[in-house]
Amino acid sequence: MMTGKPTILVVDDEDIIRNIMAKLIHALGYSVLQASNSTEAVSMMRQHKPEVVFLDIVMPGVDSMEVLNTVRDDDALKSIAIILVSGIDCLDTIARYIEAGADDFLPKPFNSALLKMKIRNALERSRSRQQSPSSDESCEAFCSQLAHDLNNGLTGIMMSAELLLMEQTSEASKHQLEDIISSTEQISALIKQRRNSLKEAS
């Protein structure tokens, strides 16, 4: 993502539409990039990390749905807000794209007031995604911290039990302390095993 002004990518195979949109967006005070096809669009997204992408639904070559899926499946790109642009008014098609992760829809033709509103809303979504970790990331961080804290606590119990063991003369007390040490070692091993399995799964 570029510093300074937010960057917006316009993806449309029609030069006239793409150029008009770029001029309007530039006039609103944003940096603008253009792509004439899906392959070029994905490449520019990976290189420049724009905050918002206006994606034409109907384009030759790679399907725009595939572009949307690529963005949403890529950790480096998934914060980008995607606004669909199309002259079609098929609600089923639009709903399918929204369900797949598109943020908004801009119908053709449009005016500058509507364009401005769509950009403002999309920027808020993009920034919100950048600032807030995903639920999976939050859960992973919580589990990692929890495992760390549990291991610290178990280590303290084990060390205390070992110190007491050295001071005990009663065989019964020694066996009880040995059981405590053995149990803490088993719990610590289970935590380590679970953390390793989570790492392998991710």
N, C-alpha and C. Protein backbone atom coordinates (compact mmCIF):
# COMPACT_ATOMS: atom_id res chain seq x y z
N MET A 1 0.83 -1.20 0.00
CA MET A 1 0.00 0.00 0.00
C MET A 1 0.87 1.25 0.00
N MET A 2 0.53 2.19 -0.81
CA MET A 2 1.31 3.41 -0.91
C MET A 2 1.04 4.34 0.27
N THR A 3 2.02 5.12 0.63
CA THR A 3 1.85 6.10 1.69
C THR A 3 1.19 7.34 1.12
N GLY A 4 0.68 8.23 1.99
CA GLY A 4 0.06 9.45 1.51
C GLY A 4 -1.37 9.20 1.09
N LYS A 5 -1.73 9.64 -0.11
CA LYS A 5 -3.10 9.50 -0.60
C LYS A 5 -3.46 8.03 -0.81
N PRO A 6 -4.70 7.66 -0.49
CA PRO A 6 -5.14 6.28 -0.77
C PRO A 6 -5.03 5.98 -2.26
N THR A 7 -4.71 4.74 -2.57
CA THR A 7 -4.56 4.31 -3.95
C THR A 7 -5.75 3.46 -4.37
N ILE A 8 -6.28 3.75 -5.53
CA ILE A 8 -7.44 3.03 -6.05
C ILE A 8 -7.12 2.47 -7.42
N LEU A 9 -7.43 1.21 -7.63
CA LEU A 9 -7.19 0.54 -8.90
C LEU A 9 -8.50 0.38 -9.66
N VAL A 10 -8.49 0.79 -10.92
CA VAL A 10 -9.66 0.65 -11.79
C VAL A 10 -9.38 -0.46 -12.80
N VAL A 11 -10.23 -1.48 -12.80
CA VAL A 11 -10.04 -2.63 -13.69
C VAL A 11 -11.23 -2.71 -14.66
N ASP A 12 -10.94 -2.44 -15.94
CA ASP A 12 -12.00 -2.47 -16.97
C ASP A 12 -11.32 -2.63 -18.32
N ASP A 13 -11.88 -3.49 -19.17
CA ASP A 13 -11.27 -3.71 -20.48
C ASP A 13 -11.63 -2.62 -21.49
N GLU A 14 -12.60 -1.77 -21.14
CA GLU A 14 -12.99 -0.67 -22.03
C GLU A 14 -12.18 0.58 -21.66
N ASP A 15 -11.36 1.02 -22.58
CA ASP A 15 -10.46 2.16 -22.32
C ASP A 15 -11.22 3.42 -21.92
N ILE A 16 -12.32 3.71 -22.62
CA ILE A 16 -13.08 4.94 -22.35
C ILE A 16 -13.60 4.95 -20.92
N ILE A 17 -14.26 3.85 -20.52
CA ILE A 17 -14.83 3.77 -19.16
C ILE A 17 -13.72 3.86 -18.13
N ARG A 18 -12.63 3.13 -18.37
CA ARG A 18 -11.52 3.10 -17.41
C ARG A 18 -10.89 4.48 -17.24
N ASN A 19 -10.69 5.17 -18.34
CA ASN A 19 -10.07 6.51 -18.29
C ASN A 19 -10.98 7.53 -17.61
N ILE A 20 -12.28 7.45 -17.90
CA ILE A 20 -13.23 8.38 -17.27
C ILE A 20 -13.24 8.17 -15.76
N MET A 21 -13.31 6.91 -15.33
CA MET A 21 -13.32 6.61 -13.90
C MET A 21 -12.02 7.10 -13.24
N ALA A 22 -10.90 6.88 -13.92
CA ALA A 22 -9.60 7.29 -13.37
C ALA A 22 -9.55 8.81 -13.18
N LYS A 23 -10.07 9.55 -14.14
CA LYS A 23 -10.08 11.01 -14.03
C LYS A 23 -10.97 11.48 -12.88
N LEU A 24 -12.14 10.85 -12.75
CA LEU A 24 -13.05 11.23 -11.66
C LEU A 24 -12.43 10.93 -10.29
N ILE A 25 -11.80 9.77 -10.18
CA ILE A 25 -11.18 9.38 -8.91
C ILE A 25 -10.01 10.30 -8.58
N HIS A 26 -9.22 10.63 -9.60
CA HIS A 26 -8.10 11.54 -9.41
C HIS A 26 -8.59 12.92 -8.95
N ALA A 27 -9.70 13.37 -9.53
CA ALA A 27 -10.27 14.67 -9.17
C ALA A 27 -10.76 14.70 -7.73
N LEU A 28 -11.09 13.51 -7.19
CA LEU A 28 -11.53 13.42 -5.80
C LEU A 28 -10.35 13.40 -4.82
N GLY A 29 -9.13 13.39 -5.37
CA GLY A 29 -7.94 13.49 -4.53
C GLY A 29 -7.23 12.19 -4.23
N TYR A 30 -7.52 11.15 -5.00
CA TYR A 30 -6.89 9.85 -4.76
C TYR A 30 -5.85 9.53 -5.84
N SER A 31 -4.90 8.65 -5.49
CA SER A 31 -3.98 8.13 -6.49
C SER A 31 -4.70 7.02 -7.26
N VAL A 32 -4.45 6.95 -8.57
CA VAL A 32 -5.20 6.01 -9.40
C VAL A 32 -4.25 5.13 -10.20
N LEU A 33 -4.59 3.84 -10.25
CA LEU A 33 -3.92 2.87 -11.11
C LEU A 33 -4.96 2.27 -12.04
N GLN A 34 -4.51 1.81 -13.20
CA GLN A 34 -5.44 1.22 -14.17
C GLN A 34 -4.94 -0.15 -14.63
N ALA A 35 -5.89 -1.05 -14.85
CA ALA A 35 -5.58 -2.36 -15.42
C ALA A 35 -6.67 -2.70 -16.43
N SER A 36 -6.26 -3.26 -17.56
CA SER A 36 -7.22 -3.55 -18.63
C SER A 36 -7.70 -4.99 -18.63
N ASN A 37 -7.12 -5.84 -17.77
CA ASN A 37 -7.56 -7.23 -17.71
C ASN A 37 -7.29 -7.79 -16.31
N SER A 38 -7.82 -8.98 -16.06
CA SER A 38 -7.75 -9.58 -14.73
C SER A 38 -6.33 -9.92 -14.31
N THR A 39 -5.56 -10.48 -15.24
CA THR A 39 -4.18 -10.87 -14.92
C THR A 39 -3.35 -9.66 -14.53
N GLU A 40 -3.49 -8.59 -15.30
CA GLU A 40 -2.77 -7.36 -14.99
C GLU A 40 -3.23 -6.79 -13.64
N ALA A 41 -4.52 -6.92 -13.37
CA ALA A 41 -5.09 -6.39 -12.12
C ALA A 41 -4.49 -7.07 -10.91
N VAL A 42 -4.41 -8.40 -10.93
CA VAL A 42 -3.86 -9.15 -9.79
C VAL A 42 -2.39 -8.80 -9.59
N SER A 43 -1.66 -8.68 -10.70
CA SER A 43 -0.25 -8.31 -10.62
C SER A 43 -0.07 -6.94 -9.99
N MET A 44 -0.90 -5.98 -10.36
CA MET A 44 -0.80 -4.62 -9.81
C MET A 44 -1.22 -4.59 -8.34
N MET A 45 -2.19 -5.41 -7.99
CA MET A 45 -2.60 -5.47 -6.58
C MET A 45 -1.45 -5.99 -5.71
N ARG A 46 -0.77 -7.01 -6.19
CA ARG A 46 0.34 -7.57 -5.43
C ARG A 46 1.51 -6.59 -5.33
N GLN A 47 1.69 -5.80 -6.37
CA GLN A 47 2.82 -4.87 -6.39
C GLN A 47 2.54 -3.60 -5.60
N HIS A 48 1.33 -3.04 -5.75
CA HIS A 48 1.03 -1.71 -5.20
C HIS A 48 0.13 -1.73 -3.96
N LYS A 49 -0.57 -2.83 -3.71
CA LYS A 49 -1.48 -2.95 -2.55
C LYS A 49 -2.45 -1.76 -2.46
N PRO A 50 -3.29 -1.55 -3.47
CA PRO A 50 -4.28 -0.46 -3.38
C PRO A 50 -5.29 -0.74 -2.28
N GLU A 51 -5.87 0.32 -1.72
CA GLU A 51 -6.89 0.14 -0.69
C GLU A 51 -8.22 -0.31 -1.30
N VAL A 52 -8.52 0.19 -2.50
CA VAL A 52 -9.80 -0.09 -3.15
C VAL A 52 -9.57 -0.50 -4.59
N VAL A 53 -10.39 -1.47 -5.06
CA VAL A 53 -10.35 -1.88 -6.47
C VAL A 53 -11.76 -1.84 -7.04
N PHE A 54 -11.92 -1.12 -8.15
CA PHE A 54 -13.17 -1.16 -8.91
C PHE A 54 -12.99 -2.24 -9.97
N LEU A 55 -13.76 -3.30 -9.84
CA LEU A 55 -13.60 -4.49 -10.69
C LEU A 55 -14.81 -4.68 -11.59
N ASP A 56 -14.59 -4.56 -12.91
CA ASP A 56 -15.67 -4.79 -13.86
C ASP A 56 -16.03 -6.28 -13.86
N ILE A 57 -17.32 -6.58 -13.79
CA ILE A 57 -17.74 -7.97 -13.71
C ILE A 57 -17.46 -8.72 -15.01
N VAL A 58 -17.79 -8.09 -16.14
CA VAL A 58 -17.67 -8.75 -17.43
C VAL A 58 -16.39 -8.31 -18.13
N MET A 59 -15.41 -9.23 -18.20
CA MET A 59 -14.15 -8.95 -18.87
C MET A 59 -13.66 -10.20 -19.58
N PRO A 60 -12.91 -10.04 -20.65
CA PRO A 60 -12.34 -11.21 -21.33
C PRO A 60 -11.22 -11.83 -20.51
N GLY A 61 -10.93 -13.10 -20.79
CA GLY A 61 -9.82 -13.75 -20.09
C GLY A 61 -10.26 -14.32 -18.75
N VAL A 62 -9.43 -14.15 -17.74
CA VAL A 62 -9.70 -14.69 -16.40
C VAL A 62 -10.99 -14.10 -15.85
N ASP A 63 -11.86 -14.94 -15.35
CA ASP A 63 -13.15 -14.52 -14.82
C ASP A 63 -12.96 -13.61 -13.61
N SER A 64 -13.79 -12.57 -13.50
CA SER A 64 -13.66 -11.63 -12.38
C SER A 64 -13.94 -12.29 -11.04
N MET A 65 -14.74 -13.36 -11.03
CA MET A 65 -14.96 -14.10 -9.80
C MET A 65 -13.67 -14.75 -9.32
N GLU A 66 -12.87 -15.22 -10.27
CA GLU A 66 -11.57 -15.81 -9.91
C GLU A 66 -10.65 -14.76 -9.31
N VAL A 67 -10.72 -13.53 -9.84
CA VAL A 67 -9.92 -12.44 -9.28
C VAL A 67 -10.36 -12.17 -7.84
N LEU A 68 -11.65 -12.12 -7.62
CA LEU A 68 -12.19 -11.88 -6.28
C LEU A 68 -11.74 -12.97 -5.32
N ASN A 69 -11.83 -14.23 -5.75
CA ASN A 69 -11.41 -15.34 -4.89
C ASN A 69 -9.92 -15.27 -4.58
N THR A 70 -9.12 -14.87 -5.57
CA THR A 70 -7.68 -14.74 -5.38
C THR A 70 -7.37 -13.70 -4.30
N VAL A 71 -8.06 -12.57 -4.36
CA VAL A 71 -7.85 -11.50 -3.38
C VAL A 71 -8.25 -11.95 -1.98
N ARG A 72 -9.39 -12.56 -1.86
CA ARG A 72 -9.88 -12.95 -0.54
C ARG A 72 -9.10 -14.12 0.08
N ASP A 73 -8.44 -14.92 -0.77
CA ASP A 73 -7.66 -16.05 -0.26
C ASP A 73 -6.20 -15.70 0.03
N ASP A 74 -5.78 -14.51 -0.36
CA ASP A 74 -4.39 -14.09 -0.20
C ASP A 74 -4.28 -13.17 1.02
N ASP A 75 -3.50 -13.60 2.02
CA ASP A 75 -3.37 -12.80 3.25
C ASP A 75 -2.83 -11.40 2.97
N ALA A 76 -2.00 -11.27 1.93
CA ALA A 76 -1.40 -9.97 1.62
C ALA A 76 -2.39 -9.04 0.91
N LEU A 77 -3.49 -9.59 0.40
CA LEU A 77 -4.43 -8.78 -0.38
C LEU A 77 -5.83 -8.69 0.22
N LYS A 78 -6.16 -9.54 1.16
CA LYS A 78 -7.55 -9.66 1.58
C LYS A 78 -8.14 -8.43 2.26
N SER A 79 -7.30 -7.48 2.66
CA SER A 79 -7.85 -6.24 3.24
C SER A 79 -8.36 -5.28 2.18
N ILE A 80 -8.02 -5.53 0.91
CA ILE A 80 -8.45 -4.64 -0.18
C ILE A 80 -9.97 -4.70 -0.33
N ALA A 81 -10.59 -3.54 -0.44
CA ALA A 81 -12.03 -3.47 -0.67
C ALA A 81 -12.30 -3.59 -2.17
N ILE A 82 -13.22 -4.49 -2.53
CA ILE A 82 -13.56 -4.73 -3.93
C ILE A 82 -14.95 -4.20 -4.22
N ILE A 83 -15.03 -3.28 -5.19
CA ILE A 83 -16.32 -2.75 -5.64
C ILE A 83 -16.57 -3.24 -7.05
N LEU A 84 -17.66 -3.97 -7.24
CA LEU A 84 -18.02 -4.46 -8.57
C LEU A 84 -18.57 -3.32 -9.41
N VAL A 85 -18.22 -3.33 -10.69
CA VAL A 85 -18.73 -2.32 -11.61
C VAL A 85 -19.33 -3.04 -12.82
N SER A 86 -20.59 -2.75 -13.14
CA SER A 86 -21.20 -3.42 -14.29
C SER A 86 -22.49 -2.74 -14.71
N GLY A 87 -22.81 -2.91 -16.00
CA GLY A 87 -24.06 -2.41 -16.52
C GLY A 87 -25.18 -3.41 -16.36
N ILE A 88 -24.86 -4.65 -15.97
CA ILE A 88 -25.90 -5.66 -15.80
C ILE A 88 -26.66 -5.39 -14.51
N ASP A 89 -27.92 -5.77 -14.49
CA ASP A 89 -28.74 -5.55 -13.29
C ASP A 89 -29.29 -6.87 -12.75
N CYS A 90 -28.57 -7.96 -13.01
CA CYS A 90 -28.99 -9.28 -12.53
C CYS A 90 -28.66 -9.40 -11.05
N LEU A 91 -29.69 -9.39 -10.22
CA LEU A 91 -29.48 -9.42 -8.77
C LEU A 91 -28.84 -10.72 -8.31
N ASP A 92 -29.15 -11.83 -9.00
CA ASP A 92 -28.56 -13.12 -8.62
C ASP A 92 -27.05 -13.10 -8.81
N THR A 93 -26.60 -12.50 -9.92
CA THR A 93 -25.17 -12.42 -10.19
C THR A 93 -24.47 -11.54 -9.16
N ILE A 94 -25.06 -10.40 -8.90
CA ILE A 94 -24.48 -9.48 -7.92
C ILE A 94 -24.43 -10.12 -6.54
N ALA A 95 -25.52 -10.81 -6.16
CA ALA A 95 -25.57 -11.47 -4.85
C ALA A 95 -24.49 -12.55 -4.74
N ARG A 96 -24.22 -13.25 -5.83
CA ARG A 96 -23.19 -14.29 -5.83
C ARG A 96 -21.82 -13.70 -5.56
N TYR A 97 -21.55 -12.53 -6.14
CA TYR A 97 -20.26 -11.87 -5.92
C TYR A 97 -20.16 -11.31 -4.50
N ILE A 98 -21.24 -10.78 -3.99
CA ILE A 98 -21.23 -10.25 -2.63
C ILE A 98 -20.98 -11.38 -1.63
N GLU A 99 -21.62 -12.52 -1.86
CA GLU A 99 -21.42 -13.67 -0.98
C GLU A 99 -19.97 -14.17 -1.03
N ALA A 100 -19.33 -13.99 -2.19
CA ALA A 100 -17.95 -14.44 -2.36
C ALA A 100 -16.94 -13.48 -1.74
N GLY A 101 -17.41 -12.30 -1.30
CA GLY A 101 -16.50 -11.38 -0.62
C GLY A 101 -16.39 -9.99 -1.21
N ALA A 102 -17.17 -9.68 -2.25
CA ALA A 102 -17.17 -8.32 -2.78
C ALA A 102 -17.81 -7.39 -1.75
N ASP A 103 -17.34 -6.14 -1.70
CA ASP A 103 -17.80 -5.20 -0.68
C ASP A 103 -18.98 -4.34 -1.11
N ASP A 104 -19.08 -4.09 -2.42
CA ASP A 104 -20.12 -3.16 -2.88
C ASP A 104 -20.33 -3.33 -4.37
N PHE A 105 -21.32 -2.61 -4.91
CA PHE A 105 -21.64 -2.68 -6.32
C PHE A 105 -21.90 -1.28 -6.85
N LEU A 106 -21.24 -0.93 -7.96
CA LEU A 106 -21.43 0.37 -8.61
C LEU A 106 -22.02 0.13 -10.00
N PRO A 107 -23.30 0.50 -10.21
CA PRO A 107 -23.92 0.25 -11.51
C PRO A 107 -23.50 1.30 -12.54
N LYS A 108 -23.40 0.89 -13.79
CA LYS A 108 -23.18 1.82 -14.90
C LYS A 108 -24.54 2.19 -15.47
N PRO A 109 -24.78 3.46 -15.80
CA PRO A 109 -23.90 4.61 -15.58
C PRO A 109 -23.99 5.11 -14.13
N PHE A 110 -23.03 5.94 -13.73
CA PHE A 110 -23.01 6.44 -12.36
C PHE A 110 -22.57 7.91 -12.39
N ASN A 111 -22.77 8.61 -11.29
CA ASN A 111 -22.33 10.00 -11.20
C ASN A 111 -21.23 10.13 -10.15
N SER A 112 -20.60 11.28 -10.11
CA SER A 112 -19.45 11.48 -9.22
C SER A 112 -19.85 11.42 -7.74
N ALA A 113 -21.08 11.83 -7.41
CA ALA A 113 -21.52 11.79 -6.01
C ALA A 113 -21.62 10.34 -5.51
N LEU A 114 -22.16 9.46 -6.36
CA LEU A 114 -22.26 8.05 -5.99
C LEU A 114 -20.88 7.42 -5.91
N LEU A 115 -20.02 7.77 -6.85
CA LEU A 115 -18.65 7.25 -6.86
C LEU A 115 -17.92 7.66 -5.57
N LYS A 116 -18.06 8.90 -5.18
CA LYS A 116 -17.41 9.42 -3.97
C LYS A 116 -17.88 8.66 -2.74
N MET A 117 -19.18 8.41 -2.65
CA MET A 117 -19.74 7.70 -1.50
C MET A 117 -19.23 6.26 -1.44
N LYS A 118 -19.18 5.61 -2.60
CA LYS A 118 -18.70 4.23 -2.66
C LYS A 118 -17.24 4.14 -2.22
N ILE A 119 -16.43 5.08 -2.66
CA ILE A 119 -15.01 5.09 -2.29
C ILE A 119 -14.85 5.29 -0.79
N ARG A 120 -15.58 6.24 -0.23
CA ARG A 120 -15.47 6.54 1.20
C ARG A 120 -15.83 5.31 2.04
N ASN A 121 -16.92 4.64 1.68
CA ASN A 121 -17.34 3.45 2.42
C ASN A 121 -16.32 2.31 2.27
N ALA A 122 -15.79 2.17 1.05
CA ALA A 122 -14.82 1.10 0.80
C ALA A 122 -13.53 1.33 1.57
N LEU A 123 -13.08 2.57 1.65
CA LEU A 123 -11.86 2.89 2.40
C LEU A 123 -12.03 2.56 3.88
N GLU A 124 -13.20 2.81 4.41
CA GLU A 124 -13.46 2.48 5.82
C GLU A 124 -13.37 0.98 6.04
N ARG A 125 -13.89 0.21 5.10
CA ARG A 125 -13.83 -1.25 5.23
C ARG A 125 -12.39 -1.75 5.13
N SER A 126 -11.67 -1.20 4.17
CA SER A 126 -10.28 -1.61 3.97
C SER A 126 -9.44 -1.32 5.22
N ARG A 127 -9.59 -0.12 5.78
CA ARG A 127 -8.81 0.25 6.96
C ARG A 127 -9.20 -0.58 8.17
N SER A 128 -10.49 -0.91 8.26
CA SER A 128 -10.96 -1.73 9.37
C SER A 128 -10.33 -3.12 9.31
N ARG A 129 -10.22 -3.67 8.11
CA ARG A 129 -9.60 -4.99 7.95
C ARG A 129 -8.11 -4.95 8.29
N GLN A 130 -7.45 -3.85 7.94
CA GLN A 130 -6.01 -3.73 8.21
C GLN A 130 -5.73 -3.61 9.71
N GLN A 131 -6.63 -2.94 10.43
CA GLN A 131 -6.40 -2.66 11.85
C GLN A 131 -6.85 -3.79 12.75
N SER A 132 -7.82 -4.60 12.30
CA SER A 132 -8.37 -5.66 13.14
C SER A 132 -7.92 -7.01 12.64
N PRO A 133 -7.25 -7.80 13.49
CA PRO A 133 -6.86 -9.14 13.07
C PRO A 133 -8.08 -10.01 12.86
N SER A 134 -7.97 -11.01 12.01
CA SER A 134 -9.08 -11.93 11.76
C SER A 134 -9.35 -12.75 13.01
N SER A 135 -10.52 -13.39 13.07
CA SER A 135 -10.86 -14.21 14.23
C SER A 135 -9.88 -15.36 14.38
N ASP A 136 -9.43 -15.92 13.24
CA ASP A 136 -8.45 -17.01 13.31
C ASP A 136 -7.15 -16.53 13.92
N GLU A 137 -6.70 -15.34 13.50
CA GLU A 137 -5.45 -14.79 14.02
C GLU A 137 -5.58 -14.48 15.50
N SER A 138 -6.75 -13.95 15.91
CA SER A 138 -6.97 -13.63 17.32
C SER A 138 -6.97 -14.89 18.16
N CYS A 139 -7.62 -15.94 17.65
CA CYS A 139 -7.68 -17.22 18.37
C CYS A 139 -6.29 -17.82 18.50
N GLU A 140 -5.52 -17.77 17.42
CA GLU A 140 -4.17 -18.32 17.45
C GLU A 140 -3.30 -17.59 18.46
N ALA A 141 -3.41 -16.25 18.49
CA ALA A 141 -2.63 -15.46 19.43
C ALA A 141 -3.03 -15.78 20.87
N PHE A 142 -4.35 -15.91 21.09
CA PHE A 142 -4.84 -16.24 22.43
C PHE A 142 -4.33 -17.60 22.89
N CYS A 143 -4.42 -18.61 22.00
CA CYS A 143 -3.97 -19.96 22.34
C CYS A 143 -2.47 -19.99 22.62
N SER A 144 -1.72 -19.25 21.83
CA SER A 144 -0.27 -19.21 22.03
C SER A 144 0.08 -18.60 23.38
N GLN A 145 -0.60 -17.50 23.73
CA GLN A 145 -0.35 -16.85 25.01
C GLN A 145 -0.79 -17.75 26.17
N LEU A 146 -1.93 -18.42 25.98
CA LEU A 146 -2.44 -19.31 27.02
C LEU A 146 -1.47 -20.46 27.27
N ALA A 147 -0.95 -21.05 26.19
CA ALA A 147 0.02 -22.14 26.32
C ALA A 147 1.27 -21.66 27.04
N HIS A 148 1.71 -20.46 26.70
CA HIS A 148 2.89 -19.88 27.35
C HIS A 148 2.65 -19.71 28.85
N ASP A 149 1.50 -19.17 29.22
CA ASP A 149 1.18 -18.94 30.63
C ASP A 149 1.04 -20.25 31.40
N LEU A 150 0.40 -21.25 30.76
CA LEU A 150 0.24 -22.55 31.42
C LEU A 150 1.59 -23.21 31.66
N ASN A 151 2.47 -23.13 30.68
CA ASN A 151 3.79 -23.72 30.84
C ASN A 151 4.57 -23.05 31.97
N ASN A 152 4.45 -21.73 32.07
CA ASN A 152 5.11 -21.01 33.16
C ASN A 152 4.59 -21.49 34.52
N GLY A 153 3.25 -21.63 34.60
CA GLY A 153 2.65 -22.10 35.85
C GLY A 153 3.07 -23.52 36.19
N LEU A 154 3.10 -24.39 35.19
CA LEU A 154 3.50 -25.78 35.40
C LEU A 154 4.97 -25.87 35.83
N THR A 155 5.79 -25.02 35.22
CA THR A 155 7.21 -25.01 35.59
C THR A 155 7.37 -24.63 37.06
N GLY A 156 6.61 -23.64 37.51
CA GLY A 156 6.65 -23.22 38.92
C GLY A 156 6.22 -24.34 39.84
N ILE A 157 5.15 -25.06 39.48
CA ILE A 157 4.67 -26.18 40.31
C ILE A 157 5.73 -27.27 40.39
N MET A 158 6.33 -27.58 39.21
CA MET A 158 7.32 -28.65 39.15
C MET A 158 8.55 -28.31 40.00
N MET A 159 9.02 -27.08 39.90
CA MET A 159 10.21 -26.68 40.66
C MET A 159 9.93 -26.71 42.16
N SER A 160 8.74 -26.24 42.54
CA SER A 160 8.39 -26.26 43.98
C SER A 160 8.30 -27.69 44.49
N ALA A 161 7.71 -28.57 43.67
CA ALA A 161 7.59 -29.97 44.08
C ALA A 161 8.95 -30.63 44.21
N GLU A 162 9.86 -30.30 43.30
CA GLU A 162 11.21 -30.89 43.35
C GLU A 162 11.97 -30.41 44.58
N LEU A 163 11.79 -29.12 44.96
CA LEU A 163 12.44 -28.60 46.17
C LEU A 163 11.90 -29.30 47.42
N LEU A 164 10.57 -29.49 47.45
CA LEU A 164 9.97 -30.18 48.60
C LEU A 164 10.41 -31.63 48.66
N LEU A 165 10.57 -32.22 47.47
CA LEU A 165 10.99 -33.62 47.42
C LEU A 165 12.36 -33.83 48.07
N MET A 166 13.23 -32.86 47.87
CA MET A 166 14.58 -32.97 48.44
C MET A 166 14.57 -32.86 49.96
N GLU A 167 13.51 -32.23 50.50
CA GLU A 167 13.45 -32.02 51.94
C GLU A 167 12.67 -33.10 52.67
N GLN A 168 11.94 -33.95 51.92
CA GLN A 168 11.07 -34.94 52.54
C GLN A 168 11.83 -36.20 52.93
N THR A 169 11.43 -36.76 54.06
CA THR A 169 11.99 -38.05 54.51
C THR A 169 10.93 -39.14 54.46
N SER A 170 9.66 -38.70 54.49
CA SER A 170 8.56 -39.67 54.45
C SER A 170 8.40 -40.23 53.03
N GLU A 171 8.34 -41.56 52.93
CA GLU A 171 8.19 -42.19 51.62
C GLU A 171 6.84 -41.84 50.98
N ALA A 172 5.81 -41.74 51.81
CA ALA A 172 4.47 -41.43 51.29
C ALA A 172 4.46 -40.02 50.68
N SER A 173 5.10 -39.07 51.38
CA SER A 173 5.17 -37.70 50.86
C SER A 173 5.98 -37.65 49.57
N LYS A 174 7.07 -38.43 49.50
CA LYS A 174 7.90 -38.46 48.30
C LYS A 174 7.10 -38.97 47.10
N HIS A 175 6.30 -40.02 47.33
CA HIS A 175 5.50 -40.58 46.23
C HIS A 175 4.47 -39.57 45.74
N GLN A 176 3.86 -38.84 46.68
CA GLN A 176 2.86 -37.83 46.31
C GLN A 176 3.50 -36.72 45.49
N LEU A 177 4.67 -36.28 45.91
CA LEU A 177 5.37 -35.22 45.18
C LEU A 177 5.83 -35.71 43.81
N GLU A 178 6.26 -36.97 43.75
CA GLU A 178 6.66 -37.54 42.46
C GLU A 178 5.47 -37.62 41.51
N ASP A 179 4.30 -37.95 42.06
CA ASP A 179 3.08 -37.98 41.24
C ASP A 179 2.76 -36.59 40.69
N ILE A 180 2.94 -35.55 41.54
CA ILE A 180 2.69 -34.18 41.10
C ILE A 180 3.64 -33.81 39.96
N ILE A 181 4.92 -34.13 40.12
CA ILE A 181 5.92 -33.82 39.09
C ILE A 181 5.60 -34.56 37.79
N SER A 182 5.22 -35.84 37.93
CA SER A 182 4.88 -36.64 36.74
C SER A 182 3.67 -36.07 36.01
N SER A 183 2.67 -35.63 36.78
CA SER A 183 1.45 -35.07 36.18
C SER A 183 1.74 -33.76 35.44
N THR A 184 2.56 -32.91 36.06
CA THR A 184 2.89 -31.64 35.41
C THR A 184 3.69 -31.88 34.13
N GLU A 185 4.57 -32.87 34.14
CA GLU A 185 5.33 -33.19 32.94
C GLU A 185 4.42 -33.68 31.82
N GLN A 186 3.41 -34.48 32.17
CA GLN A 186 2.47 -34.98 31.18
C GLN A 186 1.64 -33.85 30.58
N ILE A 187 1.18 -32.94 31.45
CA ILE A 187 0.39 -31.80 30.96
C ILE A 187 1.24 -30.92 30.05
N SER A 188 2.48 -30.66 30.44
CA SER A 188 3.38 -29.84 29.62
C SER A 188 3.63 -30.49 28.27
N ALA A 189 3.78 -31.82 28.25
CA ALA A 189 3.99 -32.54 27.00
C ALA A 189 2.76 -32.46 26.10
N LEU A 190 1.56 -32.53 26.70
CA LEU A 190 0.32 -32.43 25.93
C LEU A 190 0.18 -31.05 25.29
N ILE A 191 0.52 -30.01 26.04
CA ILE A 191 0.46 -28.64 25.51
C ILE A 191 1.41 -28.49 24.33
N LYS A 192 2.63 -29.01 24.49
CA LYS A 192 3.62 -28.93 23.41
C LYS A 192 3.15 -29.70 22.18
N GLN A 193 2.58 -30.89 22.40
CA GLN A 193 2.09 -31.70 21.29
C GLN A 193 0.95 -30.99 20.54
N ARG A 194 0.05 -30.36 21.30
CA ARG A 194 -1.07 -29.67 20.69
C ARG A 194 -0.61 -28.45 19.90
N ARG A 195 0.35 -27.71 20.42
CA ARG A 195 0.89 -26.53 19.71
C ARG A 195 1.56 -26.96 18.41
N ASN A 196 2.28 -28.08 18.46
CA ASN A 196 2.95 -28.56 17.24
C ASN A 196 1.94 -28.99 16.18
N SER A 197 0.85 -29.63 16.62
CA SER A 197 -0.16 -30.08 15.66
C SER A 197 -0.88 -28.89 15.03
N LEU A 198 -1.10 -27.82 15.81
CA LEU A 198 -1.73 -26.61 15.26
C LEU A 198 -0.82 -25.94 14.24
N LYS A 199 0.48 -25.91 14.52
CA LYS A 199 1.43 -25.33 13.58
C LYS A 199 1.46 -26.10 12.27
N GLU A 200 1.41 -27.45 12.37
CA GLU A 200 1.43 -28.28 11.16
C GLU A 200 0.14 -28.09 10.36
N ALA A 201 -0.99 -27.92 11.06
CA ALA A 201 -2.27 -27.73 10.38
C ALA A 201 -2.33 -26.41 9.66
N SER A 202 -1.67 -25.37 10.21
CA SER A 202 -1.70 -24.05 9.58
C SER A 202 -0.70 -23.98 8.44
